[in-house]
Amino acid sequence: MLELFGIIFVLIPFFVKGIFSGNKDVKFYLPSVQDLGVFTFNELVENIKSVKDIVDKGKTNLSKENIEELLNDIPRHNSFRYINKGSLTDEYFEAAYQTLNDLNIYVIVSNTGSPASEIISMFTKKQYNHASLSFDKDLKTIVSYNGGERIYPPGLNMEMIKYFNKKDDSSIIIYSLPITKEQKKVIIDKIKEINEQGNAYNILGLVLKFSFRPNIMFCSQFVYKMLKTADINYFDKKEGQIRPTDFIELDYDRKLRYEYKIKFNGV
């Protein structure tokens, strides 16, 4: 019952936002009684269409398999204390430091097909719902906050490309961002510190937009915070409000350079 409540608690804000915000990329506030009283007919029609879109997509995304996987996964999470520590090995950091002469860091957005991202995409109306960092172009050092694939606890973990391929149209897009050798070392050092101190995935932060401890983050929150640590963040936004697509959509000065895209199944 607690697991079911957890899923409902996480999904309700996305559902409400999906109904009232539609496709508009705006800050969301629940409408007041006065606002509800002045809805126009066109607005009512648009809201009904939005609900229909969510319901239609939900027929696929809210499958029995997805719900069961989420129910089984929620007990592994903790948004109040660190449950992941030392998942990144000495070999990982050795490989990361070896990239210091590559004066780029790589921002990756992905459409993985995981149950969580599939359900969230119903309400955000975004195809890409995960963000990662890599210190090399070939993604041998890709890292982010994730569920740990039931190998490691949810939190800061290295990522393997094969785990991104969970549905027919799974894909990832890789961008590079210029960086100095010193700035890159600052980020690697910070990740090493988080790895040693402990961390956890901020599943409640998806709703509350708040972290109870510094090293409790979700994926896009982590990527933004690391860029900010090295003073290479190219837009300003509260860490708890960062979405994966913000790294692309808010790149107004074209700081990112497109590198390549991987379509796992040619779809």
C-alpha atoms as a PDB file:
ATOM      1  CA  MET A   1       0.000   0.000   0.000  1.00  0.00           C
ATOM      2  CA  LEU A   2       2.843   2.407   0.796  1.00  0.00           C
ATOM      3  CA  GLU A   3       4.398   1.689  -2.603  1.00  0.00           C
ATOM      4  CA  LEU A   4       1.115   2.421  -4.371  1.00  0.00           C
ATOM      5  CA  PHE A   5       0.734   5.665  -2.438  1.00  0.00           C
ATOM      6  CA  GLY A   6       4.262   6.588  -3.478  1.00  0.00           C
ATOM      7  CA  ILE A   7       3.478   6.209  -7.159  1.00  0.00           C
ATOM      8  CA  ILE A   8       0.212   8.137  -6.830  1.00  0.00           C
ATOM      9  CA  PHE A   9       2.033  10.880  -4.912  1.00  0.00           C
ATOM     10  CA  VAL A  10       4.671  11.195  -7.612  1.00  0.00           C
ATOM     11  CA  LEU A  11       2.234  11.150 -10.527  1.00  0.00           C
ATOM     12  CA  ILE A  12      -0.568  13.467  -9.316  1.00  0.00           C
ATOM     13  CA  PRO A  13       1.348  16.741  -9.964  1.00  0.00           C
ATOM     14  CA  PHE A  14       2.288  15.573 -13.469  1.00  0.00           C
ATOM     15  CA  PHE A  15      -1.348  14.663 -14.144  1.00  0.00           C
ATOM     16  CA  VAL A  16      -2.671  18.033 -12.961  1.00  0.00           C
ATOM     17  CA  LYS A  17       0.010  19.870 -14.901  1.00  0.00           C
ATOM     18  CA  GLY A  18      -0.766  17.858 -18.029  1.00  0.00           C
ATOM     19  CA  ILE A  19      -4.431  18.809 -17.850  1.00  0.00           C
ATOM     20  CA  PHE A  20      -4.025  22.537 -17.303  1.00  0.00           C
ATOM     21  CA  SER A  21      -0.726  23.332 -19.014  1.00  0.00           C
ATOM     22  CA  GLY A  22      -1.099  21.410 -22.255  1.00  0.00           C
ATOM     23  CA  ASN A  23       1.861  21.878 -24.574  1.00  0.00           C
ATOM     24  CA  LYS A  24       2.817  25.280 -23.196  1.00  0.00           C
ATOM     25  CA  ASP A  25       6.230  25.500 -21.595  1.00  0.00           C
ATOM     26  CA  VAL A  26       5.190  27.733 -18.723  1.00  0.00           C
ATOM     27  CA  LYS A  27       5.428  27.759 -14.955  1.00  0.00           C
ATOM     28  CA  PHE A  28       2.474  25.931 -13.516  1.00  0.00           C
ATOM     29  CA  TYR A  29       0.138  27.035 -10.753  1.00  0.00           C
ATOM     30  CA  LEU A  30      -3.149  25.446  -9.753  1.00  0.00           C
ATOM     31  CA  PRO A  31      -6.012  27.688 -10.985  1.00  0.00           C
ATOM     32  CA  SER A  32      -7.927  29.691  -8.418  1.00  0.00           C
ATOM     33  CA  VAL A  33     -11.718  29.487  -8.059  1.00  0.00           C
ATOM     34  CA  GLN A  34     -11.956  32.808  -9.908  1.00  0.00           C
ATOM     35  CA  ASP A  35      -9.821  31.473 -12.767  1.00  0.00           C
ATOM     36  CA  LEU A  36     -11.961  28.371 -13.072  1.00  0.00           C
ATOM     37  CA  GLY A  37     -14.998  30.613 -13.400  1.00  0.00           C
ATOM     38  CA  VAL A  38     -13.661  32.452 -16.443  1.00  0.00           C
ATOM     39  CA  PHE A  39     -12.451  29.528 -18.575  1.00  0.00           C
ATOM     40  CA  THR A  40     -13.374  30.179 -22.180  1.00  0.00           C
ATOM     41  CA  PHE A  41     -14.961  27.532 -24.377  1.00  0.00           C
ATOM     42  CA  ASN A  42     -11.741  27.215 -26.413  1.00  0.00           C
ATOM     43  CA  GLU A  43      -9.710  26.672 -23.262  1.00  0.00           C
ATOM     44  CA  LEU A  44     -12.146  23.994 -22.150  1.00  0.00           C
ATOM     45  CA  VAL A  45     -11.818  22.230 -25.513  1.00  0.00           C
ATOM     46  CA  GLU A  46      -8.017  22.387 -25.354  1.00  0.00           C
ATOM     47  CA  ASN A  47      -8.001  20.962 -21.823  1.00  0.00           C
ATOM     48  CA  ILE A  48     -10.293  18.122 -22.892  1.00  0.00           C
ATOM     49  CA  LYS A  49      -7.938  17.371 -25.793  1.00  0.00           C
ATOM     50  CA  SER A  50      -4.993  17.367 -23.396  1.00  0.00           C
ATOM     51  CA  VAL A  51      -6.728  14.856 -21.135  1.00  0.00           C
ATOM     52  CA  LYS A  52      -7.554  12.703 -24.164  1.00  0.00           C
ATOM     53  CA  ASP A  53      -3.913  12.765 -25.289  1.00  0.00           C
ATOM     54  CA  ILE A  54      -2.789  11.655 -21.826  1.00  0.00           C
ATOM     55  CA  VAL A  55      -5.383   8.893 -21.712  1.00  0.00           C
ATOM     56  CA  ASP A  56      -4.491   7.670 -25.212  1.00  0.00           C
ATOM     57  CA  LYS A  57      -0.785   7.567 -24.431  1.00  0.00           C
ATOM     58  CA  GLY A  58      -1.523   6.023 -21.062  1.00  0.00           C
ATOM     59  CA  LYS A  59      -3.003   2.964 -22.746  1.00  0.00           C
ATOM     60  CA  THR A  60       0.559   2.061 -23.694  1.00  0.00           C
ATOM     61  CA  ASN A  61       2.689   3.717 -21.025  1.00  0.00           C
ATOM     62  CA  LEU A  62       0.534   2.712 -18.061  1.00  0.00           C
ATOM     63  CA  SER A  63       0.866  -0.934 -18.907  1.00  0.00           C
ATOM     64  CA  LYS A  64       0.655  -3.609 -16.248  1.00  0.00           C
ATOM     65  CA  GLU A  65       4.357  -4.316 -16.708  1.00  0.00           C
ATOM     66  CA  ASN A  66       5.378  -0.668 -16.216  1.00  0.00           C
ATOM     67  CA  ILE A  67       3.239  -0.262 -13.101  1.00  0.00           C
ATOM     68  CA  GLU A  68       4.509  -3.504 -11.592  1.00  0.00           C
ATOM     69  CA  GLU A  69       8.130  -2.521 -12.231  1.00  0.00           C
ATOM     70  CA  LEU A  70       7.572   0.875 -10.597  1.00  0.00           C
ATOM     71  CA  LEU A  71       5.888  -0.716  -7.591  1.00  0.00           C
ATOM     72  CA  ASN A  72       8.806  -3.096  -7.164  1.00  0.00           C
ATOM     73  CA  ASP A  73      11.377  -0.336  -7.599  1.00  0.00           C
ATOM     74  CA  ILE A  74      10.047   2.343  -5.210  1.00  0.00           C
ATOM     75  CA  PRO A  75      11.144   0.540  -1.993  1.00  0.00           C
ATOM     76  CA  ARG A  76      14.756   0.717  -3.233  1.00  0.00           C
ATOM     77  CA  HIS A  77      14.696   4.542  -3.132  1.00  0.00           C
ATOM     78  CA  ASN A  78      15.286   6.919  -0.244  1.00  0.00           C
ATOM     79  CA  SER A  79      15.029  10.701  -0.598  1.00  0.00           C
ATOM     80  CA  PHE A  80      16.102  11.423   2.991  1.00  0.00           C
ATOM     81  CA  ARG A  81      19.374   9.554   3.530  1.00  0.00           C
ATOM     82  CA  TYR A  82      22.355   8.400   1.481  1.00  0.00           C
ATOM     83  CA  ILE A  83      22.030   4.787   0.352  1.00  0.00           C
ATOM     84  CA  ASN A  84      24.607   4.700  -2.460  1.00  0.00           C
ATOM     85  CA  LYS A  85      28.304   5.006  -1.686  1.00  0.00           C
ATOM     86  CA  GLY A  86      31.368   4.060  -3.693  1.00  0.00           C
ATOM     87  CA  SER A  87      29.570   2.730  -6.776  1.00  0.00           C
ATOM     88  CA  LEU A  88      32.133   4.490  -8.995  1.00  0.00           C
ATOM     89  CA  THR A  89      35.418   2.580  -8.963  1.00  0.00           C
ATOM     90  CA  ASP A  90      39.040   3.739  -8.985  1.00  0.00           C
ATOM     91  CA  GLU A  91      39.194   2.499 -12.581  1.00  0.00           C
ATOM     92  CA  TYR A  92      36.327   4.827 -13.495  1.00  0.00           C
ATOM     93  CA  PHE A  93      38.094   7.885 -12.095  1.00  0.00           C
ATOM     94  CA  GLU A  94      41.374   6.863 -13.704  1.00  0.00           C
ATOM     95  CA  ALA A  95      39.593   6.796 -17.075  1.00  0.00           C
ATOM     96  CA  ALA A  96      37.910  10.146 -16.331  1.00  0.00           C
ATOM     97  CA  TYR A  97      41.168  11.891 -15.438  1.00  0.00           C
ATOM     98  CA  GLN A  98      42.744  10.539 -18.620  1.00  0.00           C
ATOM     99  CA  THR A  99      40.288  12.691 -20.621  1.00  0.00           C
ATOM    100  CA  LEU A 100      41.586  16.009 -19.255  1.00  0.00           C
ATOM    101  CA  ASN A 101      43.253  16.856 -22.558  1.00  0.00           C
ATOM    102  CA  ASP A 102      39.896  16.583 -24.331  1.00  0.00           C
ATOM    103  CA  LEU A 103      38.667  20.136 -23.794  1.00  0.00           C
ATOM    104  CA  ASN A 104      35.003  19.186 -23.939  1.00  0.00           C
ATOM    105  CA  ILE A 105      32.461  17.689 -21.615  1.00  0.00           C
ATOM    106  CA  TYR A 106      29.560  15.786 -23.127  1.00  0.00           C
ATOM    107  CA  VAL A 107      25.892  16.318 -22.276  1.00  0.00           C
ATOM    108  CA  ILE A 108      23.629  13.402 -23.171  1.00  0.00           C
ATOM    109  CA  VAL A 109      19.844  13.395 -23.305  1.00  0.00           C
ATOM    110  CA  SER A 110      18.137  10.045 -23.733  1.00  0.00           C
ATOM    111  CA  ASN A 111      14.829   8.441 -24.560  1.00  0.00           C
ATOM    112  CA  THR A 112      15.393   5.173 -22.748  1.00  0.00           C
ATOM    113  CA  GLY A 113      11.970   3.616 -22.441  1.00  0.00           C
ATOM    114  CA  SER A 114      12.257   2.879 -18.739  1.00  0.00           C
ATOM    115  CA  PRO A 115       8.877   2.620 -16.959  1.00  0.00           C
ATOM    116  CA  ALA A 116       9.489   5.844 -15.012  1.00  0.00           C
ATOM    117  CA  SER A 117      10.490   7.875 -18.081  1.00  0.00           C
ATOM    118  CA  GLU A 118       7.575   6.470 -20.104  1.00  0.00           C
ATOM    119  CA  ILE A 119       5.036   7.553 -17.507  1.00  0.00           C
ATOM    120  CA  ILE A 120       6.656  10.948 -16.937  1.00  0.00           C
ATOM    121  CA  SER A 121       6.695  11.591 -20.698  1.00  0.00           C
ATOM    122  CA  MET A 122       2.891  11.310 -20.718  1.00  0.00           C
ATOM    123  CA  PHE A 123       2.676  14.495 -18.690  1.00  0.00           C
ATOM    124  CA  THR A 124       5.778  16.447 -19.729  1.00  0.00           C
ATOM    125  CA  LYS A 125       5.075  15.712 -23.428  1.00  0.00           C
ATOM    126  CA  LYS A 126       8.832  15.404 -23.890  1.00  0.00           C
ATOM    127  CA  GLN A 127      10.462  12.525 -25.728  1.00  0.00           C
ATOM    128  CA  TYR A 128      13.747  12.774 -23.831  1.00  0.00           C
ATOM    129  CA  ASN A 129      13.464  12.353 -20.069  1.00  0.00           C
ATOM    130  CA  HIS A 130      16.966  11.465 -18.869  1.00  0.00           C
ATOM    131  CA  ALA A 131      20.218  13.464 -18.786  1.00  0.00           C
ATOM    132  CA  SER A 132      23.807  12.313 -18.275  1.00  0.00           C
ATOM    133  CA  LEU A 133      27.387  13.543 -18.457  1.00  0.00           C
ATOM    134  CA  SER A 134      30.412  11.967 -20.081  1.00  0.00           C
ATOM    135  CA  PHE A 135      34.037  13.067 -20.051  1.00  0.00           C
ATOM    136  CA  ASP A 136      34.800  11.379 -23.368  1.00  0.00           C
ATOM    137  CA  LYS A 137      33.062  11.397 -26.736  1.00  0.00           C
ATOM    138  CA  ASP A 138      32.812   7.594 -26.896  1.00  0.00           C
ATOM    139  CA  LEU A 139      30.789   7.526 -23.641  1.00  0.00           C
ATOM    140  CA  LYS A 140      33.165   5.249 -21.751  1.00  0.00           C
ATOM    141  CA  THR A 141      32.823   7.546 -18.711  1.00  0.00           C
ATOM    142  CA  ILE A 142      29.096   8.298 -18.873  1.00  0.00           C
ATOM    143  CA  VAL A 143      27.609   8.977 -15.447  1.00  0.00           C
ATOM    144  CA  SER A 144      24.381  10.243 -13.913  1.00  0.00           C
ATOM    145  CA  TYR A 145      21.868   9.729 -11.141  1.00  0.00           C
ATOM    146  CA  ASN A 146      19.708   6.722 -11.926  1.00  0.00           C
ATOM    147  CA  GLY A 147      18.061   3.633 -10.468  1.00  0.00           C
ATOM    148  CA  GLY A 148      21.221   1.549 -10.545  1.00  0.00           C
ATOM    149  CA  GLU A 149      19.658  -1.127 -12.779  1.00  0.00           C
ATOM    150  CA  ARG A 150      19.201  -3.283  -9.643  1.00  0.00           C
ATOM    151  CA  ILE A 151      22.967  -3.701  -9.529  1.00  0.00           C
ATOM    152  CA  TYR A 152      23.689  -0.621  -7.429  1.00  0.00           C
ATOM    153  CA  PRO A 153      21.399   1.441  -5.159  1.00  0.00           C
ATOM    154  CA  PRO A 154      19.593   4.395  -6.793  1.00  0.00           C
ATOM    155  CA  GLY A 155      21.875   7.411  -6.952  1.00  0.00           C
ATOM    156  CA  LEU A 156      25.179   8.303  -8.612  1.00  0.00           C
ATOM    157  CA  ASN A 157      26.132   5.488 -10.976  1.00  0.00           C
ATOM    158  CA  MET A 158      28.124   4.858 -14.113  1.00  0.00           C
ATOM    159  CA  GLU A 159      25.882   4.131 -17.079  1.00  0.00           C
ATOM    160  CA  MET A 160      26.217   1.519 -19.800  1.00  0.00           C
ATOM    161  CA  ILE A 161      24.841   2.171 -23.260  1.00  0.00           C
ATOM    162  CA  LYS A 162      23.058  -1.182 -23.438  1.00  0.00           C
ATOM    163  CA  TYR A 163      20.777  -0.153 -20.571  1.00  0.00           C
ATOM    164  CA  PHE A 164      19.449   2.764 -22.625  1.00  0.00           C
ATOM    165  CA  ASN A 165      17.799   0.388 -25.099  1.00  0.00           C
ATOM    166  CA  LYS A 166      14.495  -0.533 -23.471  1.00  0.00           C
ATOM    167  CA  LYS A 167      11.966   0.053 -26.251  1.00  0.00           C
ATOM    168  CA  ASP A 168      11.723   0.044 -30.025  1.00  0.00           C
ATOM    169  CA  ASP A 169      12.413   3.765 -30.484  1.00  0.00           C
ATOM    170  CA  SER A 170      15.062   4.224 -27.772  1.00  0.00           C
ATOM    171  CA  SER A 171      17.673   6.818 -28.686  1.00  0.00           C
ATOM    172  CA  ILE A 172      20.281   9.146 -27.217  1.00  0.00           C
ATOM    173  CA  ILE A 173      21.687  12.450 -28.443  1.00  0.00           C
ATOM    174  CA  ILE A 174      25.214  13.548 -27.570  1.00  0.00           C
ATOM    175  CA  TYR A 175      26.313  17.190 -27.386  1.00  0.00           C
ATOM    176  CA  SER A 176      29.709  18.638 -26.506  1.00  0.00           C
ATOM    177  CA  LEU A 177      30.346  21.715 -24.374  1.00  0.00           C
ATOM    178  CA  PRO A 178      33.757  23.468 -24.389  1.00  0.00           C
ATOM    179  CA  ILE A 179      35.600  23.318 -21.096  1.00  0.00           C
ATOM    180  CA  THR A 180      39.091  23.997 -19.772  1.00  0.00           C
ATOM    181  CA  LYS A 181      41.303  21.308 -18.317  1.00  0.00           C
ATOM    182  CA  GLU A 182      40.973  22.915 -14.887  1.00  0.00           C
ATOM    183  CA  GLN A 183      37.170  23.082 -15.079  1.00  0.00           C
ATOM    184  CA  LYS A 184      36.951  19.455 -16.136  1.00  0.00           C
ATOM    185  CA  LYS A 185      39.092  18.414 -13.185  1.00  0.00           C
ATOM    186  CA  VAL A 186      36.811  20.386 -10.852  1.00  0.00           C
ATOM    187  CA  ILE A 187      33.810  18.350 -12.030  1.00  0.00           C
ATOM    188  CA  ILE A 188      35.592  14.997 -11.769  1.00  0.00           C
ATOM    189  CA  ASP A 189      36.849  15.926  -8.287  1.00  0.00           C
ATOM    190  CA  LYS A 190      33.326  16.893  -7.240  1.00  0.00           C
ATOM    191  CA  ILE A 191      31.868  13.617  -8.523  1.00  0.00           C
ATOM    192  CA  LYS A 192      34.584  11.742  -6.655  1.00  0.00           C
ATOM    193  CA  GLU A 193      33.638  13.615  -3.478  1.00  0.00           C
ATOM    194  CA  ILE A 194      29.947  12.745  -3.911  1.00  0.00           C
ATOM    195  CA  ASN A 195      30.896   9.119  -4.535  1.00  0.00           C
ATOM    196  CA  GLU A 196      32.881   9.018  -1.275  1.00  0.00           C
ATOM    197  CA  GLN A 197      30.367  10.928   0.860  1.00  0.00           C
ATOM    198  CA  GLY A 198      27.326   8.964  -0.269  1.00  0.00           C
ATOM    199  CA  ASN A 199      24.248   9.892  -2.278  1.00  0.00           C
ATOM    200  CA  ALA A 200      20.727   8.883  -3.302  1.00  0.00           C
ATOM    201  CA  TYR A 201      18.288   9.434  -6.135  1.00  0.00           C
ATOM    202  CA  ASN A 202      15.887  12.303  -5.448  1.00  0.00           C
ATOM    203  CA  ILE A 203      12.612  10.650  -6.454  1.00  0.00           C
ATOM    204  CA  LEU A 204      10.542  12.988  -4.245  1.00  0.00           C
ATOM    205  CA  GLY A 205      12.382  15.935  -5.774  1.00  0.00           C
ATOM    206  CA  LEU A 206      10.610  15.252  -9.061  1.00  0.00           C
ATOM    207  CA  VAL A 207       7.511  16.541  -7.288  1.00  0.00           C
ATOM    208  CA  LEU A 208       8.717  18.712  -4.412  1.00  0.00           C
ATOM    209  CA  LYS A 209      11.529  20.403  -6.405  1.00  0.00           C
ATOM    210  CA  PHE A 210      13.646  20.229  -3.264  1.00  0.00           C
ATOM    211  CA  SER A 211      16.566  18.143  -1.966  1.00  0.00           C
ATOM    212  CA  PHE A 212      16.697  17.132   1.676  1.00  0.00           C
ATOM    213  CA  ARG A 213      20.501  16.650   1.532  1.00  0.00           C
ATOM    214  CA  PRO A 214      23.125  18.044  -0.899  1.00  0.00           C
ATOM    215  CA  ASN A 215      23.959  14.724  -2.607  1.00  0.00           C
ATOM    216  CA  ILE A 216      20.344  13.652  -3.119  1.00  0.00           C
ATOM    217  CA  MET A 217      19.533  14.561  -6.726  1.00  0.00           C
ATOM    218  CA  PHE A 218      17.757  13.408  -9.866  1.00  0.00           C
ATOM    219  CA  CYS A 219      19.486  13.144 -13.239  1.00  0.00           C
ATOM    220  CA  SER A 220      19.031  16.634 -14.716  1.00  0.00           C
ATOM    221  CA  GLN A 221      19.570  18.235 -11.308  1.00  0.00           C
ATOM    222  CA  PHE A 222      22.928  16.439 -11.130  1.00  0.00           C
ATOM    223  CA  VAL A 223      24.042  17.474 -14.636  1.00  0.00           C
ATOM    224  CA  TYR A 224      23.136  21.118 -14.026  1.00  0.00           C
ATOM    225  CA  LYS A 225      24.829  21.171 -10.626  1.00  0.00           C
ATOM    226  CA  MET A 226      28.065  19.739 -12.046  1.00  0.00           C
ATOM    227  CA  LEU A 227      28.143  22.331 -14.836  1.00  0.00           C
ATOM    228  CA  LYS A 228      27.491  25.054 -12.288  1.00  0.00           C
ATOM    229  CA  THR A 229      30.268  23.730 -10.045  1.00  0.00           C
ATOM    230  CA  ALA A 230      32.738  24.415 -12.856  1.00  0.00           C
ATOM    231  CA  ASP A 231      31.043  27.717 -13.778  1.00  0.00           C
ATOM    232  CA  ILE A 232      30.043  26.476 -17.247  1.00  0.00           C
ATOM    233  CA  ASN A 233      26.267  26.482 -16.787  1.00  0.00           C
ATOM    234  CA  TYR A 234      24.869  28.387 -19.776  1.00  0.00           C
ATOM    235  CA  PHE A 235      21.433  29.127 -18.319  1.00  0.00           C
ATOM    236  CA  ASP A 236      20.141  29.921 -14.837  1.00  0.00           C
ATOM    237  CA  LYS A 237      17.364  27.958 -13.226  1.00  0.00           C
ATOM    238  CA  LYS A 238      16.678  26.504  -9.802  1.00  0.00           C
ATOM    239  CA  GLU A 239      18.370  23.104  -9.581  1.00  0.00           C
ATOM    240  CA  GLY A 240      15.202  21.353  -8.457  1.00  0.00           C
ATOM    241  CA  GLN A 241      13.298  22.575 -11.524  1.00  0.00           C
ATOM    242  CA  ILE A 242      15.732  21.399 -14.209  1.00  0.00           C
ATOM    243  CA  ARG A 243      14.320  19.046 -16.849  1.00  0.00           C
ATOM    244  CA  PRO A 244      16.535  17.029 -19.241  1.00  0.00           C
ATOM    245  CA  THR A 245      15.301  18.937 -22.273  1.00  0.00           C
ATOM    246  CA  ASP A 246      16.247  22.274 -20.661  1.00  0.00           C
ATOM    247  CA  PHE A 247      19.873  21.666 -21.617  1.00  0.00           C
ATOM    248  CA  ILE A 248      18.849  21.841 -25.264  1.00  0.00           C
ATOM    249  CA  GLU A 249      15.859  24.171 -25.222  1.00  0.00           C
ATOM    250  CA  LEU A 250      17.517  26.825 -23.001  1.00  0.00           C
ATOM    251  CA  ASP A 251      20.788  26.881 -24.938  1.00  0.00           C
ATOM    252  CA  TYR A 252      19.957  30.292 -26.386  1.00  0.00           C
ATOM    253  CA  ASP A 253      23.583  31.243 -27.082  1.00  0.00           C
ATOM    254  CA  ARG A 254      24.300  27.919 -28.805  1.00  0.00           C
ATOM    255  CA  LYS A 255      26.988  26.824 -26.393  1.00  0.00           C
ATOM    256  CA  LEU A 256      26.385  23.152 -27.183  1.00  0.00           C
ATOM    257  CA  ARG A 257      27.677  21.466 -30.317  1.00  0.00           C
ATOM    258  CA  TYR A 258      25.753  18.516 -31.707  1.00  0.00           C
ATOM    259  CA  GLU A 259      27.997  15.455 -31.959  1.00  0.00           C
ATOM    260  CA  TYR A 260      25.885  12.463 -32.921  1.00  0.00           C
ATOM    261  CA  LYS A 261      22.735  10.466 -32.252  1.00  0.00           C
ATOM    262  CA  ILE A 262      22.311   6.786 -31.533  1.00  0.00           C
ATOM    263  CA  LYS A 263      19.104   5.080 -32.646  1.00  0.00           C
ATOM    264  CA  PHE A 264      19.340   1.634 -31.168  1.00  0.00           C
ATOM    265  CA  ASN A 265      16.792  -0.101 -33.347  1.00  0.00           C
ATOM    266  CA  GLY A 266      16.763   2.100 -36.431  1.00  0.00           C
ATOM    267  CA  VAL A 267      13.304   3.465 -35.648  1.00  0.00           C
END
